[in-house]
Amino acid sequence: MKRILVVENDEAFRHTLARSLRRRGIEALEAANSESACRILREQSASVDACILDLKLEGESGLHLLPALLAIRPGLAVVVLTGYASIATAVEAVKLGAVNYLSKPADTDEILAALEGHAHIDAEDVLDAQPMSVDRLEWEHIQRVLTENQGNISETARALGMHRRTLQRKLQKRPVRR
């Protein structure tokens, strides 16, 4: 890998990851949102080898950006990185063309291994095989319904029979581990 596009709205994390890639001899291009990511990829398409894409960008989902990136650069190796892992989003990321899906915190070596190995993931690998807690099951169910409603909070809240603000509060929390 010689050139990687890092799409992450958290400026500190983006800069830290890019700096870590540069220390390993990889040129890192940085984008904070979908607009700049698409612009950079259009301008540099032939020389970009891979992309590290955050699932939760400012005001949008990285899953909506993934097809646009692959349309600009078919065959681009994309790893989706998230602090909000769920089976539903892992499955969706792979269906949309991601080569891997990692939960934060993931270090640079893990990210590069995911990119270089191009090891397609199995959604069951996202979470351990042990039984999930009731809170985790709720999180997974919300994520599945949210995915079915293309990320529309209002429609998801209606489908789940809960108030929109309650759903928004639940989505702002990090998922429980077990």
N, C-alpha and C. Protein backbone atom coordinates (compact mmCIF):
# COMPACT_ATOMS: atom_id res chain seq x y z
N MET A 1 0.84 -1.17 0.00
CA MET A 1 0.00 0.00 0.00
C MET A 1 0.89 1.24 0.00
N LYS A 2 0.66 2.09 -0.96
CA LYS A 2 1.46 3.30 -1.04
C LYS A 2 0.66 4.54 -0.68
N ARG A 3 -0.65 4.50 -0.95
CA ARG A 3 -1.49 5.68 -0.72
C ARG A 3 -2.85 5.27 -0.19
N ILE A 4 -3.22 5.82 0.96
CA ILE A 4 -4.49 5.48 1.61
C ILE A 4 -5.27 6.76 1.91
N LEU A 5 -6.55 6.73 1.59
CA LEU A 5 -7.46 7.83 1.92
C LEU A 5 -8.11 7.53 3.26
N VAL A 6 -7.96 8.46 4.21
CA VAL A 6 -8.55 8.32 5.54
C VAL A 6 -9.75 9.26 5.62
N VAL A 7 -10.95 8.69 5.73
CA VAL A 7 -12.19 9.48 5.81
C VAL A 7 -12.72 9.36 7.24
N GLU A 8 -12.54 10.42 8.00
CA GLU A 8 -12.89 10.43 9.43
C GLU A 8 -13.20 11.86 9.83
N ASN A 9 -14.36 12.08 10.48
CA ASN A 9 -14.72 13.44 10.86
C ASN A 9 -14.08 13.88 12.18
N ASP A 10 -13.58 12.95 12.97
CA ASP A 10 -12.88 13.30 14.21
C ASP A 10 -11.46 13.72 13.82
N GLU A 11 -11.23 15.02 13.86
CA GLU A 11 -9.97 15.58 13.37
C GLU A 11 -8.74 15.00 14.07
N ALA A 12 -8.79 14.90 15.38
CA ALA A 12 -7.64 14.39 16.13
C ALA A 12 -7.33 12.94 15.75
N PHE A 13 -8.36 12.10 15.66
CA PHE A 13 -8.15 10.70 15.29
C PHE A 13 -7.64 10.60 13.86
N ARG A 14 -8.22 11.38 12.95
CA ARG A 14 -7.81 11.37 11.54
C ARG A 14 -6.33 11.73 11.41
N HIS A 15 -5.92 12.81 12.07
CA HIS A 15 -4.52 13.25 11.99
C HIS A 15 -3.58 12.21 12.61
N THR A 16 -3.98 11.65 13.73
CA THR A 16 -3.15 10.64 14.40
C THR A 16 -2.97 9.41 13.53
N LEU A 17 -4.07 8.93 12.94
CA LEU A 17 -4.00 7.76 12.07
C LEU A 17 -3.17 8.06 10.83
N ALA A 18 -3.37 9.22 10.23
CA ALA A 18 -2.60 9.60 9.04
C ALA A 18 -1.10 9.69 9.37
N ARG A 19 -0.78 10.28 10.51
CA ARG A 19 0.63 10.40 10.93
C ARG A 19 1.24 9.00 11.14
N SER A 20 0.48 8.10 11.73
CA SER A 20 0.95 6.75 11.96
C SER A 20 1.20 6.02 10.64
N LEU A 21 0.32 6.23 9.67
CA LEU A 21 0.51 5.64 8.33
C LEU A 21 1.77 6.20 7.67
N ARG A 22 1.97 7.50 7.79
CA ARG A 22 3.15 8.14 7.18
C ARG A 22 4.44 7.61 7.78
N ARG A 23 4.43 7.33 9.09
CA ARG A 23 5.61 6.75 9.74
C ARG A 23 5.96 5.38 9.15
N ARG A 24 4.98 4.73 8.58
CA ARG A 24 5.20 3.41 7.97
C ARG A 24 5.49 3.52 6.48
N GLY A 25 5.69 4.74 6.00
CA GLY A 25 6.03 4.96 4.60
C GLY A 25 4.84 5.00 3.65
N ILE A 26 3.66 5.17 4.19
CA ILE A 26 2.45 5.22 3.37
C ILE A 26 1.97 6.67 3.30
N GLU A 27 1.68 7.13 2.09
CA GLU A 27 1.13 8.47 1.94
C GLU A 27 -0.34 8.43 2.35
N ALA A 28 -0.72 9.30 3.27
CA ALA A 28 -2.10 9.34 3.76
C ALA A 28 -2.78 10.62 3.31
N LEU A 29 -3.89 10.47 2.62
CA LEU A 29 -4.73 11.60 2.23
C LEU A 29 -5.86 11.67 3.24
N GLU A 30 -6.24 12.87 3.64
CA GLU A 30 -7.24 13.03 4.70
C GLU A 30 -8.49 13.74 4.19
N ALA A 31 -9.65 13.22 4.60
CA ALA A 31 -10.94 13.83 4.29
C ALA A 31 -11.82 13.78 5.53
N ALA A 32 -12.51 14.90 5.79
CA ALA A 32 -13.36 14.98 6.98
C ALA A 32 -14.82 14.64 6.68
N ASN A 33 -15.19 14.65 5.39
CA ASN A 33 -16.59 14.40 5.04
C ASN A 33 -16.68 13.76 3.66
N SER A 34 -17.89 13.41 3.25
CA SER A 34 -18.07 12.70 1.98
C SER A 34 -17.70 13.56 0.78
N GLU A 35 -18.01 14.84 0.86
CA GLU A 35 -17.71 15.74 -0.26
C GLU A 35 -16.21 15.80 -0.54
N SER A 36 -15.42 16.02 0.51
CA SER A 36 -13.97 16.09 0.31
C SER A 36 -13.38 14.72 -0.05
N ALA A 37 -13.96 13.65 0.48
CA ALA A 37 -13.48 12.30 0.14
C ALA A 37 -13.67 12.02 -1.35
N CYS A 38 -14.85 12.34 -1.87
CA CYS A 38 -15.12 12.12 -3.29
C CYS A 38 -14.24 13.00 -4.17
N ARG A 39 -14.05 14.25 -3.77
CA ARG A 39 -13.19 15.16 -4.54
C ARG A 39 -11.76 14.64 -4.59
N ILE A 40 -11.22 14.26 -3.44
CA ILE A 40 -9.85 13.74 -3.38
C ILE A 40 -9.74 12.48 -4.23
N LEU A 41 -10.69 11.59 -4.13
CA LEU A 41 -10.63 10.34 -4.88
C LEU A 41 -10.74 10.58 -6.38
N ARG A 42 -11.58 11.54 -6.80
CA ARG A 42 -11.67 11.86 -8.23
C ARG A 42 -10.33 12.40 -8.74
N GLU A 43 -9.71 13.27 -7.95
CA GLU A 43 -8.45 13.89 -8.37
C GLU A 43 -7.28 12.92 -8.34
N GLN A 44 -7.28 11.99 -7.41
CA GLN A 44 -6.13 11.10 -7.18
C GLN A 44 -6.45 9.64 -7.45
N SER A 45 -7.56 9.36 -8.10
CA SER A 45 -8.10 8.01 -8.21
C SER A 45 -7.08 6.94 -8.57
N ALA A 46 -6.30 7.18 -9.58
CA ALA A 46 -5.38 6.14 -10.06
C ALA A 46 -4.33 5.76 -9.03
N SER A 47 -4.00 6.68 -8.14
CA SER A 47 -2.90 6.39 -7.21
C SER A 47 -3.35 6.02 -5.79
N VAL A 48 -4.66 6.01 -5.52
CA VAL A 48 -5.15 5.64 -4.19
C VAL A 48 -5.37 4.13 -4.15
N ASP A 49 -4.68 3.48 -3.20
CA ASP A 49 -4.75 2.03 -3.10
C ASP A 49 -5.89 1.54 -2.21
N ALA A 50 -6.21 2.34 -1.18
CA ALA A 50 -7.19 1.87 -0.20
C ALA A 50 -7.84 3.05 0.51
N CYS A 51 -8.86 2.73 1.30
CA CYS A 51 -9.58 3.76 2.05
C CYS A 51 -9.96 3.20 3.43
N ILE A 52 -9.77 4.04 4.44
CA ILE A 52 -10.24 3.74 5.79
C ILE A 52 -11.42 4.67 6.00
N LEU A 53 -12.60 4.11 6.15
CA LEU A 53 -13.84 4.88 6.18
C LEU A 53 -14.54 4.74 7.53
N ASP A 54 -14.75 5.87 8.19
CA ASP A 54 -15.48 5.85 9.46
C ASP A 54 -16.96 5.63 9.17
N LEU A 55 -17.60 4.82 9.98
CA LEU A 55 -19.02 4.53 9.79
C LEU A 55 -19.88 5.75 10.09
N LYS A 56 -19.49 6.51 11.11
CA LYS A 56 -20.32 7.63 11.55
C LYS A 56 -19.64 8.95 11.23
N LEU A 57 -19.99 9.51 10.08
CA LEU A 57 -19.47 10.82 9.68
C LEU A 57 -20.44 11.89 10.17
N GLU A 58 -20.00 13.12 10.15
CA GLU A 58 -20.84 14.23 10.61
C GLU A 58 -22.13 14.30 9.79
N GLY A 59 -23.25 13.97 10.42
CA GLY A 59 -24.55 14.10 9.78
C GLY A 59 -24.88 13.04 8.73
N GLU A 60 -24.04 12.03 8.59
CA GLU A 60 -24.31 11.00 7.59
C GLU A 60 -23.62 9.70 7.97
N SER A 61 -23.96 8.67 7.25
CA SER A 61 -23.36 7.36 7.50
C SER A 61 -22.30 7.09 6.44
N GLY A 62 -21.19 6.51 6.87
CA GLY A 62 -20.16 6.12 5.93
C GLY A 62 -20.66 5.06 4.95
N LEU A 63 -21.70 4.33 5.35
CA LEU A 63 -22.27 3.33 4.45
C LEU A 63 -22.90 3.96 3.22
N HIS A 64 -23.38 5.19 3.34
CA HIS A 64 -23.94 5.88 2.18
C HIS A 64 -22.83 6.37 1.25
N LEU A 65 -21.66 6.62 1.79
CA LEU A 65 -20.52 7.08 1.00
C LEU A 65 -19.82 5.93 0.29
N LEU A 66 -19.85 4.75 0.86
CA LEU A 66 -19.12 3.61 0.31
C LEU A 66 -19.41 3.34 -1.17
N PRO A 67 -20.66 3.26 -1.63
CA PRO A 67 -20.91 3.02 -3.05
C PRO A 67 -20.36 4.14 -3.95
N ALA A 68 -20.40 5.38 -3.48
CA ALA A 68 -19.88 6.50 -4.27
C ALA A 68 -18.36 6.37 -4.45
N LEU A 69 -17.68 5.97 -3.39
CA LEU A 69 -16.23 5.79 -3.48
C LEU A 69 -15.89 4.67 -4.47
N LEU A 70 -16.64 3.58 -4.40
CA LEU A 70 -16.38 2.45 -5.29
C LEU A 70 -16.78 2.77 -6.74
N ALA A 71 -17.72 3.67 -6.92
CA ALA A 71 -18.08 4.09 -8.29
C ALA A 71 -16.96 4.93 -8.89
N ILE A 72 -16.33 5.75 -8.08
CA ILE A 72 -15.21 6.57 -8.56
C ILE A 72 -13.99 5.70 -8.81
N ARG A 73 -13.72 4.78 -7.91
CA ARG A 73 -12.53 3.92 -8.01
C ARG A 73 -12.93 2.46 -7.77
N PRO A 74 -13.42 1.77 -8.84
CA PRO A 74 -13.79 0.36 -8.69
C PRO A 74 -12.60 -0.46 -8.19
N GLY A 75 -12.87 -1.39 -7.32
CA GLY A 75 -11.81 -2.23 -6.79
C GLY A 75 -11.05 -1.64 -5.62
N LEU A 76 -11.44 -0.45 -5.18
CA LEU A 76 -10.79 0.18 -4.04
C LEU A 76 -11.01 -0.68 -2.80
N ALA A 77 -9.93 -0.96 -2.07
CA ALA A 77 -10.05 -1.74 -0.83
C ALA A 77 -10.48 -0.78 0.28
N VAL A 78 -11.67 -1.02 0.84
CA VAL A 78 -12.22 -0.14 1.88
C VAL A 78 -12.42 -0.93 3.16
N VAL A 79 -11.87 -0.37 4.25
CA VAL A 79 -12.12 -0.92 5.58
C VAL A 79 -13.01 0.07 6.30
N VAL A 80 -14.14 -0.41 6.80
CA VAL A 80 -15.05 0.43 7.58
C VAL A 80 -14.63 0.32 9.04
N LEU A 81 -14.44 1.47 9.66
CA LEU A 81 -13.99 1.54 11.04
C LEU A 81 -15.09 2.21 11.86
N THR A 82 -15.46 1.60 12.99
CA THR A 82 -16.54 2.17 13.77
C THR A 82 -16.39 1.96 15.27
N GLY A 83 -16.91 2.89 16.01
CA GLY A 83 -17.01 2.75 17.46
C GLY A 83 -18.38 2.23 17.85
N TYR A 84 -19.23 1.97 16.85
CA TYR A 84 -20.61 1.55 17.07
C TYR A 84 -20.88 0.25 16.30
N ALA A 85 -20.11 -0.77 16.57
CA ALA A 85 -20.22 -2.03 15.84
C ALA A 85 -21.55 -2.73 16.07
N SER A 86 -22.07 -3.26 14.99
CA SER A 86 -23.26 -4.11 15.08
C SER A 86 -23.22 -5.09 13.92
N ILE A 87 -23.90 -6.19 14.09
CA ILE A 87 -23.94 -7.19 13.03
C ILE A 87 -24.62 -6.61 11.79
N ALA A 88 -25.68 -5.86 11.97
CA ALA A 88 -26.41 -5.28 10.84
C ALA A 88 -25.52 -4.37 10.00
N THR A 89 -24.74 -3.50 10.64
CA THR A 89 -23.90 -2.60 9.86
C THR A 89 -22.71 -3.35 9.24
N ALA A 90 -22.23 -4.39 9.91
CA ALA A 90 -21.14 -5.19 9.33
C ALA A 90 -21.62 -5.88 8.05
N VAL A 91 -22.78 -6.48 8.12
CA VAL A 91 -23.35 -7.16 6.95
C VAL A 91 -23.57 -6.16 5.82
N GLU A 92 -24.14 -5.01 6.15
CA GLU A 92 -24.41 -3.98 5.14
C GLU A 92 -23.11 -3.48 4.51
N ALA A 93 -22.08 -3.26 5.31
CA ALA A 93 -20.79 -2.78 4.79
C ALA A 93 -20.21 -3.78 3.79
N VAL A 94 -20.26 -5.06 4.13
CA VAL A 94 -19.72 -6.08 3.23
C VAL A 94 -20.56 -6.16 1.96
N LYS A 95 -21.88 -6.09 2.09
CA LYS A 95 -22.75 -6.12 0.91
C LYS A 95 -22.44 -4.96 -0.03
N LEU A 96 -22.09 -3.81 0.55
CA LEU A 96 -21.81 -2.62 -0.25
C LEU A 96 -20.40 -2.61 -0.83
N GLY A 97 -19.56 -3.57 -0.42
CA GLY A 97 -18.24 -3.69 -1.03
C GLY A 97 -17.04 -3.48 -0.14
N ALA A 98 -17.23 -3.30 1.16
CA ALA A 98 -16.10 -3.16 2.06
C ALA A 98 -15.36 -4.50 2.15
N VAL A 99 -14.03 -4.43 2.28
CA VAL A 99 -13.26 -5.67 2.40
C VAL A 99 -13.14 -6.11 3.85
N ASN A 100 -13.41 -5.18 4.78
CA ASN A 100 -13.35 -5.54 6.18
C ASN A 100 -14.08 -4.49 7.01
N TYR A 101 -14.33 -4.83 8.26
CA TYR A 101 -15.10 -4.00 9.19
C TYR A 101 -14.46 -4.17 10.55
N LEU A 102 -13.94 -3.07 11.11
CA LEU A 102 -13.25 -3.14 12.39
C LEU A 102 -13.90 -2.24 13.42
N SER A 103 -13.89 -2.69 14.65
CA SER A 103 -14.40 -1.88 15.76
C SER A 103 -13.26 -1.06 16.34
N LYS A 104 -13.58 0.17 16.71
CA LYS A 104 -12.61 1.00 17.42
C LYS A 104 -12.58 0.52 18.86
N PRO A 105 -11.51 0.56 19.54
CA PRO A 105 -10.24 1.08 19.06
C PRO A 105 -9.50 0.01 18.25
N ALA A 106 -9.02 0.39 17.10
CA ALA A 106 -8.20 -0.49 16.27
C ALA A 106 -6.92 0.28 15.98
N ASP A 107 -5.79 -0.37 16.16
CA ASP A 107 -4.54 0.34 15.90
C ASP A 107 -4.17 0.24 14.43
N THR A 108 -3.15 0.98 14.06
CA THR A 108 -2.74 1.06 12.66
C THR A 108 -2.35 -0.30 12.11
N ASP A 109 -1.69 -1.12 12.90
CA ASP A 109 -1.30 -2.45 12.43
C ASP A 109 -2.52 -3.31 12.11
N GLU A 110 -3.54 -3.25 12.95
CA GLU A 110 -4.77 -4.02 12.70
C GLU A 110 -5.46 -3.53 11.43
N ILE A 111 -5.48 -2.22 11.25
CA ILE A 111 -6.13 -1.64 10.07
C ILE A 111 -5.38 -2.06 8.80
N LEU A 112 -4.06 -1.97 8.83
CA LEU A 112 -3.26 -2.37 7.66
C LEU A 112 -3.40 -3.86 7.37
N ALA A 113 -3.45 -4.67 8.42
CA ALA A 113 -3.65 -6.11 8.23
C ALA A 113 -5.00 -6.38 7.57
N ALA A 114 -6.01 -5.64 7.99
CA ALA A 114 -7.35 -5.81 7.40
C ALA A 114 -7.35 -5.40 5.93
N LEU A 115 -6.61 -4.35 5.60
CA LEU A 115 -6.53 -3.89 4.21
C LEU A 115 -5.69 -4.83 3.36
N GLU A 116 -4.53 -5.20 3.85
CA GLU A 116 -3.61 -6.00 3.06
C GLU A 116 -4.09 -7.43 2.87
N GLY A 117 -4.76 -7.96 3.90
CA GLY A 117 -5.24 -9.33 3.81
C GLY A 117 -6.46 -9.44 2.92
N HIS A 118 -7.16 -8.33 2.75
CA HIS A 118 -8.42 -8.34 2.01
C HIS A 118 -9.30 -9.49 2.46
N ALA A 119 -9.17 -9.85 3.73
CA ALA A 119 -9.97 -10.95 4.27
C ALA A 119 -11.39 -10.47 4.48
N HIS A 120 -12.28 -10.99 3.68
CA HIS A 120 -13.68 -10.63 3.86
C HIS A 120 -14.17 -11.17 5.19
N ILE A 121 -14.97 -10.39 5.86
CA ILE A 121 -15.42 -10.78 7.18
C ILE A 121 -16.74 -11.51 7.13
N ASP A 122 -16.96 -12.25 8.17
CA ASP A 122 -18.23 -12.89 8.40
C ASP A 122 -18.89 -12.07 9.51
N ALA A 123 -20.13 -11.70 9.34
CA ALA A 123 -20.80 -10.85 10.33
C ALA A 123 -20.72 -11.43 11.73
N GLU A 124 -20.70 -12.73 11.85
CA GLU A 124 -20.64 -13.36 13.16
C GLU A 124 -19.30 -13.09 13.85
N ASP A 125 -18.26 -12.77 13.07
CA ASP A 125 -16.95 -12.47 13.64
C ASP A 125 -16.91 -11.10 14.29
N VAL A 126 -17.86 -10.25 13.99
CA VAL A 126 -17.88 -8.90 14.56
C VAL A 126 -18.03 -8.97 16.07
N LEU A 127 -18.84 -9.86 16.52
CA LEU A 127 -19.08 -10.03 17.95
C LEU A 127 -18.70 -11.45 18.33
N ASP A 128 -18.27 -11.65 19.53
CA ASP A 128 -17.92 -12.99 19.98
C ASP A 128 -19.14 -13.89 19.95
N ALA A 129 -18.89 -15.19 19.95
CA ALA A 129 -19.98 -16.17 19.85
C ALA A 129 -20.75 -16.35 21.15
N GLN A 130 -20.34 -15.73 22.25
CA GLN A 130 -21.05 -15.88 23.51
C GLN A 130 -22.41 -15.19 23.44
N PRO A 131 -23.36 -15.65 24.23
CA PRO A 131 -24.69 -15.04 24.21
C PRO A 131 -24.63 -13.55 24.57
N MET A 132 -25.47 -12.78 23.90
CA MET A 132 -25.50 -11.34 24.13
C MET A 132 -26.42 -11.00 25.29
N SER A 133 -26.11 -9.89 25.94
CA SER A 133 -26.98 -9.39 27.00
C SER A 133 -28.25 -8.82 26.38
N VAL A 134 -29.24 -8.57 27.21
CA VAL A 134 -30.49 -7.98 26.74
C VAL A 134 -30.22 -6.60 26.14
N ASP A 135 -29.34 -5.83 26.78
CA ASP A 135 -28.99 -4.50 26.25
C ASP A 135 -28.34 -4.60 24.88
N ARG A 136 -27.46 -5.58 24.70
CA ARG A 136 -26.80 -5.76 23.41
C ARG A 136 -27.80 -6.22 22.36
N LEU A 137 -28.71 -7.11 22.73
CA LEU A 137 -29.74 -7.55 21.80
C LEU A 137 -30.61 -6.38 21.35
N GLU A 138 -30.93 -5.48 22.31
CA GLU A 138 -31.71 -4.29 21.95
C GLU A 138 -30.93 -3.44 20.95
N TRP A 139 -29.63 -3.24 21.21
CA TRP A 139 -28.78 -2.44 20.31
C TRP A 139 -28.78 -3.05 18.90
N GLU A 140 -28.60 -4.37 18.82
CA GLU A 140 -28.56 -5.06 17.53
C GLU A 140 -29.90 -4.92 16.80
N HIS A 141 -31.00 -5.05 17.53
CA HIS A 141 -32.32 -4.92 16.92
C HIS A 141 -32.53 -3.50 16.38
N ILE A 142 -32.16 -2.51 17.16
CA ILE A 142 -32.28 -1.11 16.71
C ILE A 142 -31.45 -0.90 15.45
N GLN A 143 -30.23 -1.42 15.44
CA GLN A 143 -29.37 -1.25 14.26
C GLN A 143 -29.95 -1.93 13.03
N ARG A 144 -30.54 -3.10 13.21
CA ARG A 144 -31.14 -3.81 12.08
C ARG A 144 -32.32 -3.02 11.52
N VAL A 145 -33.19 -2.53 12.40
CA VAL A 145 -34.35 -1.76 11.95
C VAL A 145 -33.90 -0.44 11.32
N LEU A 146 -32.88 0.19 11.88
CA LEU A 146 -32.34 1.43 11.32
C LEU A 146 -31.80 1.18 9.91
N THR A 147 -31.11 0.07 9.72
CA THR A 147 -30.59 -0.28 8.40
C THR A 147 -31.73 -0.53 7.42
N GLU A 148 -32.76 -1.23 7.87
CA GLU A 148 -33.92 -1.50 7.01
C GLU A 148 -34.61 -0.21 6.57
N ASN A 149 -34.51 0.83 7.40
CA ASN A 149 -35.13 2.12 7.09
C ASN A 149 -34.13 3.13 6.52
N GLN A 150 -33.02 2.62 5.97
CA GLN A 150 -31.99 3.43 5.33
C GLN A 150 -31.52 4.59 6.21
N GLY A 151 -31.42 4.36 7.52
CA GLY A 151 -30.91 5.37 8.43
C GLY A 151 -31.90 6.45 8.83
N ASN A 152 -33.15 6.32 8.43
CA ASN A 152 -34.17 7.32 8.75
C ASN A 152 -34.63 7.12 10.20
N ILE A 153 -34.27 8.09 11.04
CA ILE A 153 -34.56 7.99 12.47
C ILE A 153 -36.06 7.97 12.75
N SER A 154 -36.81 8.85 12.09
CA SER A 154 -38.25 8.93 12.33
C SER A 154 -38.96 7.63 11.96
N GLU A 155 -38.62 7.07 10.80
CA GLU A 155 -39.23 5.81 10.36
C GLU A 155 -38.85 4.67 11.30
N THR A 156 -37.59 4.66 11.73
CA THR A 156 -37.13 3.62 12.64
C THR A 156 -37.85 3.71 13.97
N ALA A 157 -38.02 4.92 14.49
CA ALA A 157 -38.72 5.12 15.76
C ALA A 157 -40.16 4.61 15.64
N ARG A 158 -40.81 4.93 14.53
CA ARG A 158 -42.19 4.45 14.32
C ARG A 158 -42.22 2.93 14.27
N ALA A 159 -41.28 2.33 13.54
CA ALA A 159 -41.25 0.87 13.42
C ALA A 159 -40.99 0.20 14.77
N LEU A 160 -40.20 0.85 15.62
CA LEU A 160 -39.90 0.29 16.94
C LEU A 160 -40.92 0.66 18.00
N GLY A 161 -41.84 1.56 17.66
CA GLY A 161 -42.87 1.99 18.61
C GLY A 161 -42.30 2.81 19.76
N MET A 162 -41.31 3.65 19.44
CA MET A 162 -40.74 4.50 20.49
C MET A 162 -40.65 5.94 19.98
N HIS A 163 -40.51 6.85 20.91
CA HIS A 163 -40.40 8.26 20.57
C HIS A 163 -39.06 8.49 19.87
N ARG A 164 -39.06 9.39 18.88
CA ARG A 164 -37.86 9.69 18.10
C ARG A 164 -36.70 10.14 18.99
N ARG A 165 -36.97 10.98 19.97
CA ARG A 165 -35.90 11.46 20.85
C ARG A 165 -35.31 10.34 21.71
N THR A 166 -36.15 9.42 22.13
CA THR A 166 -35.66 8.27 22.89
C THR A 166 -34.70 7.46 22.02
N LEU A 167 -35.09 7.23 20.76
CA LEU A 167 -34.22 6.50 19.85
C LEU A 167 -32.91 7.26 19.63
N GLN A 168 -32.98 8.56 19.44
CA GLN A 168 -31.76 9.35 19.25
C GLN A 168 -30.83 9.24 20.44
N ARG A 169 -31.38 9.27 21.65
CA ARG A 169 -30.54 9.11 22.86
C ARG A 169 -29.87 7.74 22.88
N LYS A 170 -30.62 6.70 22.53
CA LYS A 170 -30.05 5.35 22.52
C LYS A 170 -28.94 5.23 21.48
N LEU A 171 -29.12 5.89 20.34
CA LEU A 171 -28.13 5.81 19.27
C LEU A 171 -26.86 6.60 19.59
N GLN A 172 -26.96 7.60 20.44
CA GLN A 172 -25.79 8.40 20.81
C GLN A 172 -24.87 7.66 21.77
N LYS A 173 -25.40 6.67 22.46
CA LYS A 173 -24.59 5.90 23.40
C LYS A 173 -23.78 4.86 22.64
N ARG A 174 -22.65 4.52 23.20
CA ARG A 174 -21.86 3.44 22.63
C ARG A 174 -22.56 2.12 22.92
N PRO A 175 -22.45 1.15 22.01
CA PRO A 175 -23.11 -0.14 22.28
C PRO A 175 -22.45 -0.84 23.45
N VAL A 176 -23.25 -1.58 24.18
CA VAL A 176 -22.71 -2.36 25.28
C VAL A 176 -21.92 -3.54 24.71
N ARG A 177 -20.92 -3.96 25.43
CA ARG A 177 -20.06 -5.05 24.96
C ARG A 177 -20.77 -6.39 24.96
N ARG A 178 -21.50 -6.69 25.95
CA ARG A 178 -22.12 -8.01 26.09
C ARG A 178 -23.58 -7.85 26.32
